[in-house]
PDB file of N, CA and C in Angstrom:
ATOM      1  N   UNK A   1      61.451  99.255  39.778  1.00  0.00           N
ATOM      2  CA  UNK A   1      61.875 100.560  39.336  1.00  0.00           C
ATOM      3  C   UNK A   1      63.309 100.790  39.784  1.00  0.00           C
ATOM      4  N   UNK A   2      64.000 101.607  39.039  1.00  0.00           N
ATOM      5  CA  UNK A   2      65.371 101.945  39.366  1.00  0.00           C
ATOM      6  C   UNK A   2      65.520 103.459  39.281  1.00  0.00           C
ATOM      7  N   UNK A   3      66.259 104.025  40.242  1.00  0.00           N
ATOM      8  CA  UNK A   3      66.448 105.472  40.261  1.00  0.00           C
ATOM      9  C   UNK A   3      67.615 105.833  41.164  1.00  0.00           C
ATOM     10  N   UNK A   4      68.360 106.869  40.802  1.00  0.00           N
ATOM     11  CA  UNK A   4      69.425 107.356  41.679  1.00  0.00           C
ATOM     12  C   UNK A   4      68.921 108.349  42.729  1.00  0.00           C
ATOM     13  N   UNK A   5      67.613 108.584  42.792  1.00  0.00           N
ATOM     14  CA  UNK A   5      67.055 109.561  43.725  1.00  0.00           C
ATOM     15  C   UNK A   5      67.454 109.237  45.156  1.00  0.00           C
ATOM     16  N   UNK A   6      67.831 110.268  45.920  1.00  0.00           N
ATOM     17  CA  UNK A   6      68.178 110.101  47.329  1.00  0.00           C
ATOM     18  C   UNK A   6      66.959 110.407  48.184  1.00  0.00           C
ATOM     19  N   UNK A   7      66.781 109.615  49.237  1.00  0.00           N
ATOM     20  CA  UNK A   7      65.637 109.741  50.127  1.00  0.00           C
ATOM     21  C   UNK A   7      66.076 110.181  51.512  1.00  0.00           C
ATOM     22  N   UNK A   8      65.289 111.021  52.124  1.00  0.00           N
ATOM     23  CA  UNK A   8      65.437 111.331  53.535  1.00  0.00           C
ATOM     24  C   UNK A   8      64.855 110.131  54.293  1.00  0.00           C
ATOM     25  N   UNK A   9      65.512 109.679  55.365  1.00  0.00           N
ATOM     26  CA  UNK A   9      65.027 108.478  56.051  1.00  0.00           C
ATOM     27  C   UNK A   9      63.611 108.650  56.591  1.00  0.00           C
ATOM     28  N   UNK A  10      63.290 109.821  57.101  1.00  0.00           N
ATOM     29  CA  UNK A  10      61.936 110.060  57.609  1.00  0.00           C
ATOM     30  C   UNK A  10      60.917 109.969  56.471  1.00  0.00           C
ATOM     31  N   UNK A  11      61.261 110.495  55.312  1.00  0.00           N
ATOM     32  CA  UNK A  11      60.358 110.429  54.155  1.00  0.00           C
ATOM     33  C   UNK A  11      60.195 108.982  53.688  1.00  0.00           C
ATOM     34  N   UNK A  12      61.282 108.196  53.731  1.00  0.00           N
ATOM     35  CA  UNK A  12      61.195 106.788  53.360  1.00  0.00           C
ATOM     36  C   UNK A  12      60.272 106.044  54.320  1.00  0.00           C
ATOM     37  N   UNK A  13      60.379 106.312  55.617  1.00  0.00           N
ATOM     38  CA  UNK A  13      59.497 105.683  56.601  1.00  0.00           C
ATOM     39  C   UNK A  13      58.026 106.036  56.323  1.00  0.00           C
ATOM     40  N   UNK A  14      57.786 107.285  55.960  1.00  0.00           N
ATOM     41  CA  UNK A  14      56.426 107.730  55.653  1.00  0.00           C
ATOM     42  C   UNK A  14      55.874 106.993  54.429  1.00  0.00           C
ATOM     43  N   UNK A  15      56.697 106.829  53.407  1.00  0.00           N
ATOM     44  CA  UNK A  15      56.294 106.099  52.204  1.00  0.00           C
ATOM     45  C   UNK A  15      55.942 104.660  52.567  1.00  0.00           C
ATOM     46  N   UNK A  16      56.796 104.014  53.342  1.00  0.00           N
ATOM     47  CA  UNK A  16      56.574 102.617  53.704  1.00  0.00           C
ATOM     48  C   UNK A  16      55.355 102.451  54.600  1.00  0.00           C
ATOM     49  N   UNK A  17      55.116 103.402  55.478  1.00  0.00           N
ATOM     50  CA  UNK A  17      53.904 103.351  56.309  1.00  0.00           C
ATOM     51  C   UNK A  17      52.654 103.413  55.442  1.00  0.00           C
ATOM     52  N   UNK A  18      52.663 104.301  54.453  1.00  0.00           N
ATOM     53  CA  UNK A  18      51.510 104.413  53.548  1.00  0.00           C
ATOM     54  C   UNK A  18      51.300 103.117  52.778  1.00  0.00           C
ATOM     55  N   UNK A  19      52.387 102.506  52.306  1.00  0.00           N
ATOM     56  CA  UNK A  19      52.259 101.261  51.558  1.00  0.00           C
ATOM     57  C   UNK A  19      51.787 100.107  52.430  1.00  0.00           C
ATOM     58  N   UNK A  20      52.246 100.055  53.678  1.00  0.00           N
ATOM     59  CA  UNK A  20      51.917  98.912  54.528  1.00  0.00           C
ATOM     60  C   UNK A  20      50.533  99.011  55.162  1.00  0.00           C
ATOM     61  N   UNK A  21      49.978 100.228  55.245  1.00  0.00           N
ATOM     62  CA  UNK A  21      48.726 100.417  55.969  1.00  0.00           C
ATOM     63  C   UNK A  21      47.566 100.889  55.124  1.00  0.00           C
ATOM     64  N   UNK A  22      47.766 101.034  53.821  1.00  0.00           N
ATOM     65  CA  UNK A  22      46.715 101.595  52.974  1.00  0.00           C
ATOM     66  C   UNK A  22      46.524 100.741  51.726  1.00  0.00           C
ATOM     67  N   UNK A  23      45.323 100.755  51.203  1.00  0.00           N
ATOM     68  CA  UNK A  23      45.061 100.077  49.934  1.00  0.00           C
ATOM     69  C   UNK A  23      44.965 101.089  48.791  1.00  0.00           C
ATOM     70  N   UNK A  24      45.378 102.319  49.044  1.00  0.00           N
ATOM     71  CA  UNK A  24      45.291 103.371  48.036  1.00  0.00           C
ATOM     72  C   UNK A  24      46.168 103.101  46.814  1.00  0.00           C
ATOM     73  N   UNK A  25      47.176 102.225  46.965  1.00  0.00           N
ATOM     74  CA  UNK A  25      48.103 101.945  45.869  1.00  0.00           C
ATOM     75  C   UNK A  25      47.915 100.543  45.308  1.00  0.00           C
ATOM     76  N   UNK A  26      46.808  99.900  45.651  1.00  0.00           N
ATOM     77  CA  UNK A  26      46.526  98.540  45.237  1.00  0.00           C
ATOM     78  C   UNK A  26      46.720  97.603  46.422  1.00  0.00           C
ATOM     79  N   UNK A  27      46.608  96.317  46.166  1.00  0.00           N
ATOM     80  CA  UNK A  27      46.813  95.331  47.219  1.00  0.00           C
ATOM     81  C   UNK A  27      48.295  94.964  47.250  1.00  0.00           C
ATOM     82  N   UNK A  28      49.041  95.564  48.161  1.00  0.00           N
ATOM     83  CA  UNK A  28      50.478  95.340  48.264  1.00  0.00           C
ATOM     84  C   UNK A  28      50.715  94.058  49.056  1.00  0.00           C
ATOM     85  N   UNK A  29      51.392  93.103  48.432  1.00  0.00           N
ATOM     86  CA  UNK A  29      51.724  91.851  49.109  1.00  0.00           C
ATOM     87  C   UNK A  29      53.143  91.875  49.664  1.00  0.00           C
ATOM     88  N   UNK A  30      54.025  92.577  48.947  1.00  0.00           N
ATOM     89  CA  UNK A  30      55.418  92.663  49.369  1.00  0.00           C
ATOM     90  C   UNK A  30      56.080  93.795  48.614  1.00  0.00           C
ATOM     91  N   UNK A  31      57.043  94.413  49.272  1.00  0.00           N
ATOM     92  CA  UNK A  31      57.888  95.409  48.615  1.00  0.00           C
ATOM     93  C   UNK A  31      59.273  95.301  49.227  1.00  0.00           C
ATOM     94  N   UNK A  32      60.284  95.531  48.407  1.00  0.00           N
ATOM     95  CA  UNK A  32      61.644  95.526  48.918  1.00  0.00           C
ATOM     96  C   UNK A  32      62.496  96.401  48.024  1.00  0.00           C
ATOM     97  N   UNK A  33      63.615  96.847  48.573  1.00  0.00           N
ATOM     98  CA  UNK A  33      64.484  97.674  47.764  1.00  0.00           C
ATOM     99  C   UNK A  33      65.708  98.150  48.508  1.00  0.00           C
ATOM    100  N   UNK A  34      66.534  98.866  47.789  1.00  0.00           N
ATOM    101  CA  UNK A  34      67.705  99.540  48.320  1.00  0.00           C
ATOM    102  C   UNK A  34      67.706 100.930  47.713  1.00  0.00           C
ATOM    103  N   UNK A  35      67.863 101.936  48.572  1.00  0.00           N
ATOM    104  CA  UNK A  35      67.850 103.315  48.089  1.00  0.00           C
ATOM    105  C   UNK A  35      68.942 104.116  48.810  1.00  0.00           C
ATOM    106  N   UNK A  36      69.531 105.088  48.112  1.00  0.00           N
ATOM    107  CA  UNK A  36      70.493 105.960  48.775  1.00  0.00           C
ATOM    108  C   UNK A  36      69.760 106.965  49.662  1.00  0.00           C
ATOM    109  N   UNK A  37      70.351 107.263  50.798  1.00  0.00           N
ATOM    110  CA  UNK A  37      69.782 108.258  51.702  1.00  0.00           C
ATOM    111  C   UNK A  37      70.530 109.570  51.557  1.00  0.00           C
ATOM    112  N   UNK A  38      69.893 110.643  51.970  1.00  0.00           N
ATOM    113  CA  UNK A  38      70.493 111.977  51.835  1.00  0.00           C
ATOM    114  C   UNK A  38      71.736 112.150  52.700  1.00  0.00           C
ATOM    115  N   UNK A  39      71.924 111.294  53.718  1.00  0.00           N
ATOM    116  CA  UNK A  39      73.112 111.413  54.568  1.00  0.00           C
ATOM    117  C   UNK A  39      74.311 110.639  54.012  1.00  0.00           C
ATOM    118  N   UNK A  40      74.168 110.075  52.799  1.00  0.00           N
ATOM    119  CA  UNK A  40      75.271 109.376  52.152  1.00  0.00           C
ATOM    120  C   UNK A  40      75.295 107.876  52.401  1.00  0.00           C
ATOM    121  N   UNK A  41      74.408 107.362  53.224  1.00  0.00           N
ATOM    122  CA  UNK A  41      74.342 105.928  53.471  1.00  0.00           C
ATOM    123  C   UNK A  41      73.263 105.312  52.582  1.00  0.00           C
ATOM    124  N   UNK A  42      73.131 104.010  52.663  1.00  0.00           N
ATOM    125  CA  UNK A  42      72.124 103.292  51.875  1.00  0.00           C
ATOM    126  C   UNK A  42      71.191 102.558  52.811  1.00  0.00           C
ATOM    127  N   UNK A  43      69.922 102.498  52.447  1.00  0.00           N
ATOM    128  CA  UNK A  43      68.912 101.805  53.241  1.00  0.00           C
ATOM    129  C   UNK A  43      68.308 100.672  52.424  1.00  0.00           C
ATOM    130  N   UNK A  44      68.234  99.520  53.051  1.00  0.00           N
ATOM    131  CA  UNK A  44      67.516  98.376  52.489  1.00  0.00           C
ATOM    132  C   UNK A  44      66.176  98.316  53.200  1.00  0.00           C
ATOM    133  N   UNK A  45      65.117  98.021  52.470  1.00  0.00           N
ATOM    134  CA  UNK A  45      63.822  97.884  53.137  1.00  0.00           C
ATOM    135  C   UNK A  45      63.084  96.655  52.653  1.00  0.00           C
ATOM    136  N   UNK A  46      62.289  96.100  53.550  1.00  0.00           N
ATOM    137  CA  UNK A  46      61.390  94.981  53.274  1.00  0.00           C
ATOM    138  C   UNK A  46      60.045  95.339  53.862  1.00  0.00           C
ATOM    139  N   UNK A  47      58.984  95.019  53.138  1.00  0.00           N
ATOM    140  CA  UNK A  47      57.643  95.381  53.575  1.00  0.00           C
ATOM    141  C   UNK A  47      56.670  94.258  53.257  1.00  0.00           C
ATOM    142  N   UNK A  48      55.800  93.984  54.198  1.00  0.00           N
ATOM    143  CA  UNK A  48      54.631  93.130  53.997  1.00  0.00           C
ATOM    144  C   UNK A  48      53.467  93.905  54.609  1.00  0.00           C
ATOM    145  N   UNK A  49      52.237  93.543  54.298  1.00  0.00           N
ATOM    146  CA  UNK A  49      51.107  94.304  54.843  1.00  0.00           C
ATOM    147  C   UNK A  49      51.177  94.444  56.365  1.00  0.00           C
ATOM    148  N   UNK A  50      51.108  95.669  56.814  1.00  0.00           N
ATOM    149  CA  UNK A  50      51.078  95.958  58.240  1.00  0.00           C
ATOM    150  C   UNK A  50      52.428  96.131  58.903  1.00  0.00           C
ATOM    151  N   UNK A  51      53.531  95.849  58.213  1.00  0.00           N
ATOM    152  CA  UNK A  51      54.842  96.049  58.835  1.00  0.00           C
ATOM    153  C   UNK A  51      55.939  96.217  57.788  1.00  0.00           C
ATOM    154  N   UNK A  52      57.004  96.865  58.214  1.00  0.00           N
ATOM    155  CA  UNK A  52      58.157  97.064  57.350  1.00  0.00           C
ATOM    156  C   UNK A  52      59.410  97.146  58.204  1.00  0.00           C
ATOM    157  N   UNK A  53      60.552  96.965  57.551  1.00  0.00           N
ATOM    158  CA  UNK A  53      61.845  97.044  58.222  1.00  0.00           C
ATOM    159  C   UNK A  53      62.794  97.843  57.343  1.00  0.00           C
ATOM    160  N   UNK A  54      63.570  98.710  57.963  1.00  0.00           N
ATOM    161  CA  UNK A  54      64.624  99.456  57.264  1.00  0.00           C
ATOM    162  C   UNK A  54      65.933  99.116  57.961  1.00  0.00           C
ATOM    163  N   UNK A  55      66.954  98.805  57.170  1.00  0.00           N
ATOM    164  CA  UNK A  55      68.268  98.562  57.745  1.00  0.00           C
ATOM    165  C   UNK A  55      69.332  99.172  56.841  1.00  0.00           C
ATOM    166  N   UNK A  56      70.449  99.502  57.416  1.00  0.00           N
ATOM    167  CA  UNK A  56      71.557 100.089  56.643  1.00  0.00           C
ATOM    168  C   UNK A  56      72.334  98.976  55.955  1.00  0.00           C
ATOM    169  N   UNK A  57      72.905  99.300  54.798  1.00  0.00           N
ATOM    170  CA  UNK A  57      73.652  98.293  54.058  1.00  0.00           C
ATOM    171  C   UNK A  57      74.719  98.913  53.190  1.00  0.00           C
ATOM    172  N   UNK A  58      75.386  98.056  52.493  1.00  0.00           N
ATOM    173  CA  UNK A  58      76.453  98.469  51.594  1.00  0.00           C
ATOM    174  C   UNK A  58      75.867  99.181  50.376  1.00  0.00           C
ATOM    175  N   UNK A  59      76.580 100.147  49.841  1.00  0.00           N
ATOM    176  CA  UNK A  59      76.073 100.879  48.676  1.00  0.00           C
ATOM    177  C   UNK A  59      76.011 100.002  47.439  1.00  0.00           C
ATOM    178  N   UNK A  60      75.168 100.412  46.524  1.00  0.00           N
ATOM    179  CA  UNK A  60      75.021  99.762  45.234  1.00  0.00           C
ATOM    180  C   UNK A  60      75.184 100.850  44.176  1.00  0.00           C
ATOM    181  N   UNK A  61      75.144 100.471  42.907  1.00  0.00           N
ATOM    182  CA  UNK A  61      75.358 101.465  41.851  1.00  0.00           C
ATOM    183  C   UNK A  61      74.163 102.390  41.667  1.00  0.00           C
ATOM    184  N   UNK A  62      72.954 101.916  42.019  1.00  0.00           N
ATOM    185  CA  UNK A  62      71.761 102.739  41.869  1.00  0.00           C
ATOM    186  C   UNK A  62      70.686 102.227  42.808  1.00  0.00           C
ATOM    187  N   UNK A  63      69.800 103.119  43.208  1.00  0.00           N
ATOM    188  CA  UNK A  63      68.686 102.693  44.034  1.00  0.00           C
ATOM    189  C   UNK A  63      67.665 101.958  43.202  1.00  0.00           C
ATOM    190  N   UNK A  64      67.002 100.992  43.815  1.00  0.00           N
ATOM    191  CA  UNK A  64      65.954 100.267  43.102  1.00  0.00           C
ATOM    192  C   UNK A  64      65.010  99.638  44.110  1.00  0.00           C
ATOM    193  N   UNK A  65      63.799  99.420  43.665  1.00  0.00           N
ATOM    194  CA  UNK A  65      62.802  98.792  44.523  1.00  0.00           C
ATOM    195  C   UNK A  65      61.791  98.050  43.671  1.00  0.00           C
ATOM    196  N   UNK A  66      61.098  97.129  44.326  1.00  0.00           N
ATOM    197  CA  UNK A  66      60.103  96.302  43.661  1.00  0.00           C
ATOM    198  C   UNK A  66      58.870  96.235  44.550  1.00  0.00           C
ATOM    199  N   UNK A  67      57.699  96.423  43.965  1.00  0.00           N
ATOM    200  CA  UNK A  67      56.434  96.321  44.694  1.00  0.00           C
ATOM    201  C   UNK A  67      55.631  95.209  44.017  1.00  0.00           C
ATOM    202  N   UNK A  68      55.223  94.229  44.825  1.00  0.00           N
ATOM    203  CA  UNK A  68      54.489  93.075  44.322  1.00  0.00           C
ATOM    204  C   UNK A  68      53.081  93.101  44.901  1.00  0.00           C
ATOM    205  N   UNK A  69      52.097  92.896  44.047  1.00  0.00           N
ATOM    206  CA  UNK A  69      50.721  92.891  44.524  1.00  0.00           C
ATOM    207  C   UNK A  69      49.748  92.762  43.364  1.00  0.00           C
ATOM    208  N   UNK A  70      48.511  93.097  43.624  1.00  0.00           N
ATOM    209  CA  UNK A  70      47.503  93.054  42.565  1.00  0.00           C
ATOM    210  C   UNK A  70      46.798  94.399  42.484  1.00  0.00           C
ATOM    211  N   UNK A  71      46.315  94.685  41.293  1.00  0.00           N
ATOM    212  CA  UNK A  71      45.636  95.949  41.029  1.00  0.00           C
ATOM    213  C   UNK A  71      46.470  97.148  41.491  1.00  0.00           C
ATOM    214  N   UNK A  72      47.789  97.071  41.240  1.00  0.00           N
ATOM    215  CA  UNK A  72      48.693  98.144  41.655  1.00  0.00           C
ATOM    216  C   UNK A  72      48.412  99.418  40.868  1.00  0.00           C
ATOM    217  N   UNK A  73      48.458 100.517  41.549  1.00  0.00           N
ATOM    218  CA  UNK A  73      48.269 101.837  40.951  1.00  0.00           C
ATOM    219  C   UNK A  73      49.666 102.388  40.634  1.00  0.00           C
ATOM    220  N   UNK A  74      50.169 102.033  39.447  1.00  0.00           N
ATOM    221  CA  UNK A  74      51.546 102.369  39.093  1.00  0.00           C
ATOM    222  C   UNK A  74      51.806 103.876  39.113  1.00  0.00           C
ATOM    223  N   UNK A  75      50.877 104.661  38.604  1.00  0.00           N
ATOM    224  CA  UNK A  75      51.076 106.117  38.617  1.00  0.00           C
ATOM    225  C   UNK A  75      51.132 106.635  40.056  1.00  0.00           C
ATOM    226  N   UNK A  76      50.275 106.110  40.920  1.00  0.00           N
ATOM    227  CA  UNK A  76      50.291 106.501  42.328  1.00  0.00           C
ATOM    228  C   UNK A  76      51.582 106.109  43.013  1.00  0.00           C
ATOM    229  N   UNK A  77      52.105 104.919  42.693  1.00  0.00           N
ATOM    230  CA  UNK A  77      53.383 104.485  43.268  1.00  0.00           C
ATOM    231  C   UNK A  77      54.522 105.379  42.802  1.00  0.00           C
ATOM    232  N   UNK A  78      54.520 105.739  41.532  1.00  0.00           N
ATOM    233  CA  UNK A  78      55.563 106.641  41.019  1.00  0.00           C
ATOM    234  C   UNK A  78      55.500 107.982  41.735  1.00  0.00           C
ATOM    235  N   UNK A  79      54.311 108.494  41.942  1.00  0.00           N
ATOM    236  CA  UNK A  79      54.166 109.770  42.644  1.00  0.00           C
ATOM    237  C   UNK A  79      54.617 109.627  44.092  1.00  0.00           C
ATOM    238  N   UNK A  80      54.235 108.551  44.750  1.00  0.00           N
ATOM    239  CA  UNK A  80      54.614 108.324  46.132  1.00  0.00           C
ATOM    240  C   UNK A  80      56.130 108.303  46.303  1.00  0.00           C
ATOM    241  N   UNK A  81      56.825 107.642  45.389  1.00  0.00           N
ATOM    242  CA  UNK A  81      58.276 107.556  45.469  1.00  0.00           C
ATOM    243  C   UNK A  81      58.980 108.755  44.816  1.00  0.00           C
ATOM    244  N   UNK A  82      58.199 109.695  44.299  1.00  0.00           N
ATOM    245  CA  UNK A  82      58.779 110.939  43.788  1.00  0.00           C
ATOM    246  C   UNK A  82      59.330 110.871  42.386  1.00  0.00           C
ATOM    247  N   UNK A  83      58.712 110.074  41.495  1.00  0.00           N
ATOM    248  CA  UNK A  83      59.169 109.981  40.111  1.00  0.00           C
ATOM    249  C   UNK A  83      58.255 110.751  39.204  1.00  0.00           C
TER     250      UNK A  83
END
């Protein structure tokens, strides 16, 4: 997915915690992305079941992320990320 939506870092952490610790959105094997934060910086994230990492990085033209897994609940993921 691609979006210019800006995320609060605490809200991004909450989203990633839900993805890494719950099966409510399908069986998540991996997720990664880059998103703009509300403070004007950009966050890169990587996620595997049970853990995730957020780090600051160089800006890009638009935020985007990818979720890889099986039986993914696409509508639930869109709602989780605020689309």
